[in-house]
Amino acid sequence: SADDEARLLRAVALAGQSVGLSDPNPRVGCVMHGADGRLAGE
């Protein structure tokens, strides 16, 4: 869905914030929504 794609793209953008921080670990972002569908945490 367009919503899923947008949330995954947000996770990718968040992962970009760990460039140079997380090495040698991978750069990963996470977006969590509650059961109500609203943003809960990033």
All heavy atoms as atom14 arrays in JSON, in Angstrom:
{
  "sequence": "SADDEARLLRAVALAGQSVGLSDPNPRVGCVMHGADGRLAGE",
  "atom14_mask": [
    [1, 1, 1, 1, 1, 1, 0, 0, 0, 0, 0, 0, 0, 0],
    [1, 1, 1, 1, 1, 0, 0, 0, 0, 0, 0, 0, 0, 0],
    [1, 1, 1, 1, 1, 1, 1, 1, 0, 0, 0, 0, 0, 0],
    [1, 1, 1, 1, 1, 1, 1, 1, 0, 0, 0, 0, 0, 0],
    [1, 1, 1, 1, 1, 1, 1, 1, 1, 0, 0, 0, 0, 0],
    [1, 1, 1, 1, 1, 0, 0, 0, 0, 0, 0, 0, 0, 0],
    [1, 1, 1, 1, 1, 1, 1, 1, 1, 1, 1, 0, 0, 0],
    [1, 1, 1, 1, 1, 1, 1, 1, 0, 0, 0, 0, 0, 0],
    [1, 1, 1, 1, 1, 1, 1, 1, 0, 0, 0, 0, 0, 0],
    [1, 1, 1, 1, 1, 1, 1, 1, 1, 1, 1, 0, 0, 0],
    [1, 1, 1, 1, 1, 0, 0, 0, 0, 0, 0, 0, 0, 0],
    [1, 1, 1, 1, 1, 1, 1, 0, 0, 0, 0, 0, 0, 0],
    [1, 1, 1, 1, 1, 0, 0, 0, 0, 0, 0, 0, 0, 0],
    [1, 1, 1, 1, 1, 1, 1, 1, 0, 0, 0, 0, 0, 0],
    [1, 1, 1, 1, 1, 0, 0, 0, 0, 0, 0, 0, 0, 0],
    [1, 1, 1, 1, 0, 0, 0, 0, 0, 0, 0, 0, 0, 0],
    [1, 1, 1, 1, 1, 1, 1, 1, 1, 0, 0, 0, 0, 0],
    [1, 1, 1, 1, 1, 1, 0, 0, 0, 0, 0, 0, 0, 0],
    [1, 1, 1, 1, 1, 1, 1, 0, 0, 0, 0, 0, 0, 0],
    [1, 1, 1, 1, 0, 0, 0, 0, 0, 0, 0, 0, 0, 0],
    [1, 1, 1, 1, 1, 1, 1, 1, 0, 0, 0, 0, 0, 0],
    [1, 1, 1, 1, 1, 1, 0, 0, 0, 0, 0, 0, 0, 0],
    [1, 1, 1, 1, 1, 1, 1, 1, 0, 0, 0, 0, 0, 0],
    [1, 1, 1, 1, 1, 1, 1, 0, 0, 0, 0, 0, 0, 0],
    [1, 1, 1, 1, 1, 1, 1, 1, 0, 0, 0, 0, 0, 0],
    [1, 1, 1, 1, 1, 1, 1, 0, 0, 0, 0, 0, 0, 0],
    [1, 1, 1, 1, 1, 1, 1, 1, 1, 1, 1, 0, 0, 0],
    [1, 1, 1, 1, 1, 1, 1, 0, 0, 0, 0, 0, 0, 0],
    [1, 1, 1, 1, 0, 0, 0, 0, 0, 0, 0, 0, 0, 0],
    [1, 1, 1, 1, 1, 1, 0, 0, 0, 0, 0, 0, 0, 0],
    [1, 1, 1, 1, 1, 1, 1, 0, 0, 0, 0, 0, 0, 0],
    [1, 1, 1, 1, 1, 1, 1, 1, 0, 0, 0, 0, 0, 0],
    [1, 1, 1, 1, 1, 1, 1, 1, 1, 1, 0, 0, 0, 0],
    [1, 1, 1, 1, 0, 0, 0, 0, 0, 0, 0, 0, 0, 0],
    [1, 1, 1, 1, 1, 0, 0, 0, 0, 0, 0, 0, 0, 0],
    [1, 1, 1, 1, 1, 1, 1, 1, 0, 0, 0, 0, 0, 0],
    [1, 1, 1, 1, 0, 0, 0, 0, 0, 0, 0, 0, 0, 0],
    [1, 1, 1, 1, 1, 1, 1, 1, 1, 1, 1, 0, 0, 0],
    [1, 1, 1, 1, 1, 1, 1, 1, 0, 0, 0, 0, 0, 0],
    [1, 1, 1, 1, 1, 0, 0, 0, 0, 0, 0, 0, 0, 0],
    [1, 1, 1, 1, 0, 0, 0, 0, 0, 0, 0, 0, 0, 0],
    [1, 1, 1, 1, 1, 1, 1, 1, 1, 0, 0, 0, 0, 0]
  ],
  "atom14_positions": [
    [[0.84, -1.2, 0.0], [0.0, 0.0, 0.0], [0.88, 1.25, 0.0], [2.05, 1.22, 0.38], [-0.92, 0.01, 1.22], [-0.18, 0.34, 2.39], [0.0, 0.0, 0.0], [0.0, 0.0, 0.0], [0.0, 0.0, 0.0], [0.0, 0.0, 0.0], [0.0, 0.0, 0.0], [0.0, 0.0, 0.0], [0.0, 0.0, 0.0], [0.0, 0.0, 0.0]],
    [[0.28, 2.35, -0.39], [1.0, 3.64, -0.37], [1.42, 3.99, 1.05], [2.51, 4.54, 1.27], [0.13, 4.74, -0.97], [0.0, 0.0, 0.0], [0.0, 0.0, 0.0], [0.0, 0.0, 0.0], [0.0, 0.0, 0.0], [0.0, 0.0, 0.0], [0.0, 0.0, 0.0], [0.0, 0.0, 0.0], [0.0, 0.0, 0.0], [0.0, 0.0, 0.0]],
    [[0.58, 3.67, 2.04], [0.93, 3.95, 3.44], [2.12, 3.11, 3.87], [3.04, 3.62, 4.53], [-0.25, 3.67, 4.37], [-1.34, 4.72, 4.29], [-1.06, 5.85, 3.81], [-2.46, 4.43, 4.72], [0.0, 0.0, 0.0], [0.0, 0.0, 0.0], [0.0, 0.0, 0.0], [0.0, 0.0, 0.0], [0.0, 0.0, 0.0], [0.0, 0.0, 0.0]],
    [[2.12, 1.82, 3.52], [3.25, 0.96, 3.87], [4.54, 1.46, 3.21], [5.6, 1.5, 3.84], [3.0, -0.48, 3.44], [2.01, -1.2, 4.32], [1.89, -0.85, 5.51], [1.34, -2.13, 3.82], [0.0, 0.0, 0.0], [0.0, 0.0, 0.0], [0.0, 0.0, 0.0], [0.0, 0.0, 0.0], [0.0, 0.0, 0.0], [0.0, 0.0, 0.0]],
    [[4.44, 1.85, 1.95], [5.62, 2.37, 1.25], [6.14, 3.63, 1.92], [7.35, 3.78, 2.13], [5.28, 2.65, -0.21], [6.49, 3.1, -1.0], [6.2, 3.31, -2.47], [5.08, 3.01, -2.94], [7.12, 3.79, -3.17], [0.0, 0.0, 0.0], [0.0, 0.0, 0.0], [0.0, 0.0, 0.0], [0.0, 0.0, 0.0], [0.0, 0.0, 0.0]],
    [[5.26, 4.53, 2.3], [5.67, 5.78, 2.96], [6.34, 5.48, 4.3], [7.35, 6.11, 4.65], [4.47, 6.69, 3.17], [0.0, 0.0, 0.0], [0.0, 0.0, 0.0], [0.0, 0.0, 0.0], [0.0, 0.0, 0.0], [0.0, 0.0, 0.0], [0.0, 0.0, 0.0], [0.0, 0.0, 0.0], [0.0, 0.0, 0.0], [0.0, 0.0, 0.0]],
    [[5.82, 4.54, 5.04], [6.4, 4.21, 6.35], [7.75, 3.54, 6.19], [8.68, 3.79, 6.98], [5.42, 3.36, 7.14], [4.18, 4.17, 7.52], [3.05, 3.33, 7.99], [1.88, 4.2, 8.27], [0.65, 3.76, 8.36], [0.38, 2.47, 8.22], [-0.33, 4.59, 8.62], [0.0, 0.0, 0.0], [0.0, 0.0, 0.0], [0.0, 0.0, 0.0]],
    [[7.89, 2.69, 5.18], [9.18, 2.07, 4.94], [10.2, 3.1, 4.47], [11.36, 3.08, 4.9], [9.05, 0.94, 3.92], [10.31, 0.12, 3.69], [10.89, -0.42, 5.0], [10.03, -1.01, 2.72], [0.0, 0.0, 0.0], [0.0, 0.0, 0.0], [0.0, 0.0, 0.0], [0.0, 0.0, 0.0], [0.0, 0.0, 0.0], [0.0, 0.0, 0.0]],
    [[9.78, 4.03, 3.63], [10.69, 5.1, 3.21], [11.12, 5.96, 4.4], [12.26, 6.42, 4.46], [10.05, 5.95, 2.12], [9.92, 5.27, 0.76], [9.12, 6.13, -0.21], [11.3, 4.95, 0.18], [0.0, 0.0, 0.0], [0.0, 0.0, 0.0], [0.0, 0.0, 0.0], [0.0, 0.0, 0.0], [0.0, 0.0, 0.0], [0.0, 0.0, 0.0]],
    [[10.22, 6.16, 5.36], [10.59, 6.89, 6.57], [11.64, 6.1, 7.36], [12.6, 6.68, 7.88], [9.34, 7.16, 7.43], [9.62, 7.79, 8.77], [10.22, 9.18, 8.65], [10.53, 9.69, 9.97], [11.48, 10.58, 10.23], [12.21, 11.09, 9.26], [11.7, 10.98, 11.46], [0.0, 0.0, 0.0], [0.0, 0.0, 0.0], [0.0, 0.0, 0.0]],
    [[11.47, 4.79, 7.43], [12.46, 3.95, 8.12], [13.82, 4.05, 7.43], [14.86, 4.12, 8.1], [11.98, 2.5, 8.17], [0.0, 0.0, 0.0], [0.0, 0.0, 0.0], [0.0, 0.0, 0.0], [0.0, 0.0, 0.0], [0.0, 0.0, 0.0], [0.0, 0.0, 0.0], [0.0, 0.0, 0.0], [0.0, 0.0, 0.0], [0.0, 0.0, 0.0]],
    [[13.83, 4.07, 6.11], [15.08, 4.22, 5.37], [15.72, 5.58, 5.68], [16.93, 5.68, 5.9], [14.85, 4.05, 3.85], [16.08, 4.44, 3.05], [14.44, 2.62, 3.55], [0.0, 0.0, 0.0], [0.0, 0.0, 0.0], [0.0, 0.0, 0.0], [0.0, 0.0, 0.0], [0.0, 0.0, 0.0], [0.0, 0.0, 0.0], [0.0, 0.0, 0.0]],
    [[14.91, 6.62, 5.74], [15.43, 7.96, 6.07], [16.02, 7.97, 7.48], [17.08, 8.56, 7.71], [14.33, 9.0, 5.94], [0.0, 0.0, 0.0], [0.0, 0.0, 0.0], [0.0, 0.0, 0.0], [0.0, 0.0, 0.0], [0.0, 0.0, 0.0], [0.0, 0.0, 0.0], [0.0, 0.0, 0.0], [0.0, 0.0, 0.0], [0.0, 0.0, 0.0]],
    [[15.35, 7.32, 8.41], [15.88, 7.24, 9.77], [17.21, 6.5, 9.79], [18.14, 6.88, 10.51], [14.87, 6.53, 10.69], [13.64, 7.33, 11.06], [12.57, 6.41, 11.63], [13.99, 8.43, 12.04], [0.0, 0.0, 0.0], [0.0, 0.0, 0.0], [0.0, 0.0, 0.0], [0.0, 0.0, 0.0], [0.0, 0.0, 0.0], [0.0, 0.0, 0.0]],
    [[17.31, 5.44, 9.0], [18.57, 4.67, 8.93], [19.72, 5.56, 8.51], [20.85, 5.39, 8.96], [18.41, 3.5, 7.97], [0.0, 0.0, 0.0], [0.0, 0.0, 0.0], [0.0, 0.0, 0.0], [0.0, 0.0, 0.0], [0.0, 0.0, 0.0], [0.0, 0.0, 0.0], [0.0, 0.0, 0.0], [0.0, 0.0, 0.0], [0.0, 0.0, 0.0]],
    [[19.44, 6.53, 7.66], [20.48, 7.46, 7.21], [21.1, 8.24, 8.34], [22.25, 8.68, 8.24], [0.0, 0.0, 0.0], [0.0, 0.0, 0.0], [0.0, 0.0, 0.0], [0.0, 0.0, 0.0], [0.0, 0.0, 0.0], [0.0, 0.0, 0.0], [0.0, 0.0, 0.0], [0.0, 0.0, 0.0], [0.0, 0.0, 0.0], [0.0, 0.0, 0.0]],
    [[20.38, 8.38, 9.44], [20.92, 9.12, 10.59], [22.01, 8.35, 11.33], [22.73, 8.92, 12.15], [19.8, 9.49, 11.55], [18.81, 10.47, 10.95], [17.73, 10.87, 11.92], [18.01, 11.19, 13.08], [16.5, 10.85, 11.46], [0.0, 0.0, 0.0], [0.0, 0.0, 0.0], [0.0, 0.0, 0.0], [0.0, 0.0, 0.0], [0.0, 0.0, 0.0]],
    [[22.13, 7.05, 11.04], [23.15, 6.26, 11.72], [24.42, 6.09, 10.88], [25.35, 5.42, 11.32], [22.59, 4.89, 12.12], [22.24, 4.13, 10.99], [0.0, 0.0, 0.0], [0.0, 0.0, 0.0], [0.0, 0.0, 0.0], [0.0, 0.0, 0.0], [0.0, 0.0, 0.0], [0.0, 0.0, 0.0], [0.0, 0.0, 0.0], [0.0, 0.0, 0.0]],
    [[24.47, 6.72, 9.72], [25.68, 6.66, 8.9], [26.84, 7.25, 9.69], [26.74, 8.36, 10.23], [25.49, 7.42, 7.56], [26.82, 7.55, 6.82], [24.46, 6.71, 6.69], [0.0, 0.0, 0.0], [0.0, 0.0, 0.0], [0.0, 0.0, 0.0], [0.0, 0.0, 0.0], [0.0, 0.0, 0.0], [0.0, 0.0, 0.0], [0.0, 0.0, 0.0]],
    [[27.92, 6.48, 9.79], [29.09, 6.91, 10.54], [28.97, 6.7, 12.04], [29.92, 6.9, 12.78], [0.0, 0.0, 0.0], [0.0, 0.0, 0.0], [0.0, 0.0, 0.0], [0.0, 0.0, 0.0], [0.0, 0.0, 0.0], [0.0, 0.0, 0.0], [0.0, 0.0, 0.0], [0.0, 0.0, 0.0], [0.0, 0.0, 0.0], [0.0, 0.0, 0.0]],
    [[27.8, 6.3, 12.5], [27.55, 6.08, 13.92], [27.56, 4.6, 14.26], [28.11, 4.2, 15.28], [26.19, 6.69, 14.31], [25.69, 6.47, 15.73], [26.6, 7.2, 16.73], [24.26, 6.98, 15.87], [0.0, 0.0, 0.0], [0.0, 0.0, 0.0], [0.0, 0.0, 0.0], [0.0, 0.0, 0.0], [0.0, 0.0, 0.0], [0.0, 0.0, 0.0]],
    [[26.97, 3.78, 13.39], [26.73, 2.38, 13.72], [27.8, 1.42, 13.22], [27.72, 0.22, 13.53], [25.37, 1.95, 13.17], [25.38, 1.99, 11.76], [0.0, 0.0, 0.0], [0.0, 0.0, 0.0], [0.0, 0.0, 0.0], [0.0, 0.0, 0.0], [0.0, 0.0, 0.0], [0.0, 0.0, 0.0], [0.0, 0.0, 0.0], [0.0, 0.0, 0.0]],
    [[28.76, 1.89, 12.45], [29.77, 0.98, 11.89], [30.47, 0.19, 12.98], [30.78, 0.76, 14.02], [30.8, 1.77, 11.08], [30.2, 2.41, 9.84], [29.19, 1.89, 9.36], [30.76, 3.41, 9.38], [0.0, 0.0, 0.0], [0.0, 0.0, 0.0], [0.0, 0.0, 0.0], [0.0, 0.0, 0.0], [0.0, 0.0, 0.0], [0.0, 0.0, 0.0]],
    [[30.69, -1.1, 12.82], [30.49, -1.9, 11.62], [29.08, -2.5, 11.52], [28.82, -3.3, 10.62], [31.51, -3.02, 11.78], [31.54, -3.27, 13.25], [31.33, -1.89, 13.88], [0.0, 0.0, 0.0], [0.0, 0.0, 0.0], [0.0, 0.0, 0.0], [0.0, 0.0, 0.0], [0.0, 0.0, 0.0], [0.0, 0.0, 0.0], [0.0, 0.0, 0.0]],
    [[28.18, -2.14, 12.41], [26.81, -2.64, 12.33], [26.08, -1.99, 11.16], [26.42, -0.87, 10.76], [26.05, -2.35, 13.63], [26.58, -3.13, 14.8], [27.26, -4.13, 14.65], [26.28, -2.67, 16.0], [0.0, 0.0, 0.0], [0.0, 0.0, 0.0], [0.0, 0.0, 0.0], [0.0, 0.0, 0.0], [0.0, 0.0, 0.0], [0.0, 0.0, 0.0]],
    [[25.06, -2.67, 10.63], [24.3, -2.07, 9.53], [23.5, -0.87, 10.0], [23.17, -0.74, 11.18], [23.37, -3.21, 9.08], [23.28, -4.11, 10.25], [24.57, -3.99, 11.0], [0.0, 0.0, 0.0], [0.0, 0.0, 0.0], [0.0, 0.0, 0.0], [0.0, 0.0, 0.0], [0.0, 0.0, 0.0], [0.0, 0.0, 0.0], [0.0, 0.0, 0.0]],
    [[23.17, 0.0, 9.07], [22.34, 1.16, 9.35], [20.88, 0.74, 9.16], [20.49, 0.31, 8.08], [22.73, 2.3, 8.4], [24.13, 2.82, 8.76], [24.8, 3.56, 7.63], [25.17, 2.75, 6.49], [26.23, 1.93, 6.45], [27.01, 1.79, 7.5], [26.51, 1.25, 5.37], [0.0, 0.0, 0.0], [0.0, 0.0, 0.0], [0.0, 0.0, 0.0]],
    [[20.11, 0.84, 10.21], [18.73, 0.38, 10.2], [17.83, 1.44, 10.82], [18.21, 2.09, 11.8], [18.59, -0.94, 11.0], [17.15, -1.43, 11.01], [19.51, -2.02, 10.43], [0.0, 0.0, 0.0], [0.0, 0.0, 0.0], [0.0, 0.0, 0.0], [0.0, 0.0, 0.0], [0.0, 0.0, 0.0], [0.0, 0.0, 0.0], [0.0, 0.0, 0.0]],
    [[16.64, 1.61, 10.24], [15.64, 2.5, 10.79], [14.38, 1.71, 11.09], [14.11, 0.67, 10.48], [0.0, 0.0, 0.0], [0.0, 0.0, 0.0], [0.0, 0.0, 0.0], [0.0, 0.0, 0.0], [0.0, 0.0, 0.0], [0.0, 0.0, 0.0], [0.0, 0.0, 0.0], [0.0, 0.0, 0.0], [0.0, 0.0, 0.0], [0.0, 0.0, 0.0]],
    [[13.58, 2.2, 12.03], [12.35, 1.51, 12.42], [11.25, 2.53, 12.71], [11.47, 3.52, 13.39], [12.61, 0.67, 13.67], [11.17, -0.23, 14.27], [0.0, 0.0, 0.0], [0.0, 0.0, 0.0], [0.0, 0.0, 0.0], [0.0, 0.0, 0.0], [0.0, 0.0, 0.0], [0.0, 0.0, 0.0], [0.0, 0.0, 0.0], [0.0, 0.0, 0.0]],
    [[10.07, 2.25, 12.18], [8.87, 3.04, 12.43], [7.83, 2.09, 13.0], [7.59, 1.02, 12.43], [8.34, 3.67, 11.12], [7.02, 4.38, 11.35], [9.37, 4.63, 10.54], [0.0, 0.0, 0.0], [0.0, 0.0, 0.0], [0.0, 0.0, 0.0], [0.0, 0.0, 0.0], [0.0, 0.0, 0.0], [0.0, 0.0, 0.0], [0.0, 0.0, 0.0]],
    [[7.25, 2.45, 14.13], [6.22, 1.62, 14.76], [4.92, 2.38, 14.9], [4.93, 3.54, 15.31], [6.67, 1.16, 16.15], [7.81, 0.22, 16.14], [8.14, -0.4, 17.79], [9.38, -1.63, 17.4], [0.0, 0.0, 0.0], [0.0, 0.0, 0.0], [0.0, 0.0, 0.0], [0.0, 0.0, 0.0], [0.0, 0.0, 0.0], [0.0, 0.0, 0.0]],
    [[3.85, 1.72, 14.53], [2.5, 2.27, 14.7], [1.74, 1.39, 15.67], [1.97, 0.17, 15.72], [1.76, 2.33, 13.37], [2.17, 3.48, 12.52], [1.26, 4.34, 11.97], [3.38, 3.94, 12.12], [1.9, 5.28, 11.28], [3.19, 5.05, 11.35], [0.0, 0.0, 0.0], [0.0, 0.0, 0.0], [0.0, 0.0, 0.0], [0.0, 0.0, 0.0]],
    [[0.86, 1.98, 16.44], [0.02, 1.23, 17.36], [-1.11, 0.54, 16.62], [-1.28, 0.71, 15.41], [0.0, 0.0, 0.0], [0.0, 0.0, 0.0], [0.0, 0.0, 0.0], [0.0, 0.0, 0.0], [0.0, 0.0, 0.0], [0.0, 0.0, 0.0], [0.0, 0.0, 0.0], [0.0, 0.0, 0.0], [0.0, 0.0, 0.0], [0.0, 0.0, 0.0]],
    [[-1.9, -0.23, 17.34], [-3.03, -0.94, 16.76], [-4.03, 0.03, 16.13], [-4.77, -0.35, 15.22], [-3.71, -1.8, 17.82], [0.0, 0.0, 0.0], [0.0, 0.0, 0.0], [0.0, 0.0, 0.0], [0.0, 0.0, 0.0], [0.0, 0.0, 0.0], [0.0, 0.0, 0.0], [0.0, 0.0, 0.0], [0.0, 0.0, 0.0], [0.0, 0.0, 0.0]],
    [[-4.03, 1.27, 16.6], [-4.94, 2.29, 16.05], [-4.45, 2.87, 14.72], [-5.1, 3.71, 14.12], [-5.17, 3.41, 17.05], [-3.89, 4.17, 17.41], [-2.8, 3.85, 16.87], [-3.96, 5.08, 18.25], [0.0, 0.0, 0.0], [0.0, 0.0, 0.0], [0.0, 0.0, 0.0], [0.0, 0.0, 0.0], [0.0, 0.0, 0.0], [0.0, 0.0, 0.0]],
    [[-3.25, 2.43, 14.27], [-2.7, 2.9, 13.01], [-1.93, 4.19, 13.1], [-1.4, 4.67, 12.1], [0.0, 0.0, 0.0], [0.0, 0.0, 0.0], [0.0, 0.0, 0.0], [0.0, 0.0, 0.0], [0.0, 0.0, 0.0], [0.0, 0.0, 0.0], [0.0, 0.0, 0.0], [0.0, 0.0, 0.0], [0.0, 0.0, 0.0], [0.0, 0.0, 0.0]],
    [[-1.83, 4.75, 14.29], [-1.12, 6.02, 14.48], [0.34, 5.77, 14.86], [0.67, 4.77, 15.5], [-1.81, 6.86, 15.54], [-3.23, 7.24, 15.1], [-3.98, 7.97, 16.16], [-3.32, 9.24, 16.41], [-3.67, 10.08, 17.37], [-4.67, 9.79, 18.17], [-3.03, 11.22, 17.54], [0.0, 0.0, 0.0], [0.0, 0.0, 0.0], [0.0, 0.0, 0.0]],
    [[1.2, 6.72, 14.49], [2.61, 6.62, 14.82], [2.79, 6.48, 16.33], [2.24, 7.25, 17.11], [3.37, 7.86, 14.33], [4.85, 7.92, 14.67], [5.61, 6.81, 13.96], [5.42, 9.28, 14.31], [0.0, 0.0, 0.0], [0.0, 0.0, 0.0], [0.0, 0.0, 0.0], [0.0, 0.0, 0.0], [0.0, 0.0, 0.0], [0.0, 0.0, 0.0]],
    [[3.59, 5.48, 16.73], [3.88, 5.28, 18.15], [5.33, 5.64, 18.47], [5.6, 6.28, 19.47], [3.58, 3.83, 18.54], [0.0, 0.0, 0.0], [0.0, 0.0, 0.0], [0.0, 0.0, 0.0], [0.0, 0.0, 0.0], [0.0, 0.0, 0.0], [0.0, 0.0, 0.0], [0.0, 0.0, 0.0], [0.0, 0.0, 0.0], [0.0, 0.0, 0.0]],
    [[6.26, 5.22, 17.61], [7.67, 5.5, 17.88], [8.54, 5.29, 16.67], [8.16, 4.59, 15.73], [0.0, 0.0, 0.0], [0.0, 0.0, 0.0], [0.0, 0.0, 0.0], [0.0, 0.0, 0.0], [0.0, 0.0, 0.0], [0.0, 0.0, 0.0], [0.0, 0.0, 0.0], [0.0, 0.0, 0.0], [0.0, 0.0, 0.0], [0.0, 0.0, 0.0]],
    [[9.7, 5.92, 16.69], [10.69, 5.81, 15.61], [12.07, 5.68, 16.23], [12.3, 6.16, 17.34], [10.69, 7.05, 14.74], [9.42, 7.35, 14.02], [9.52, 8.58, 13.14], [10.24, 9.54, 13.52], [8.88, 8.58, 12.09], [0.0, 0.0, 0.0], [0.0, 0.0, 0.0], [0.0, 0.0, 0.0], [0.0, 0.0, 0.0], [0.0, 0.0, 0.0]]
  ]
}
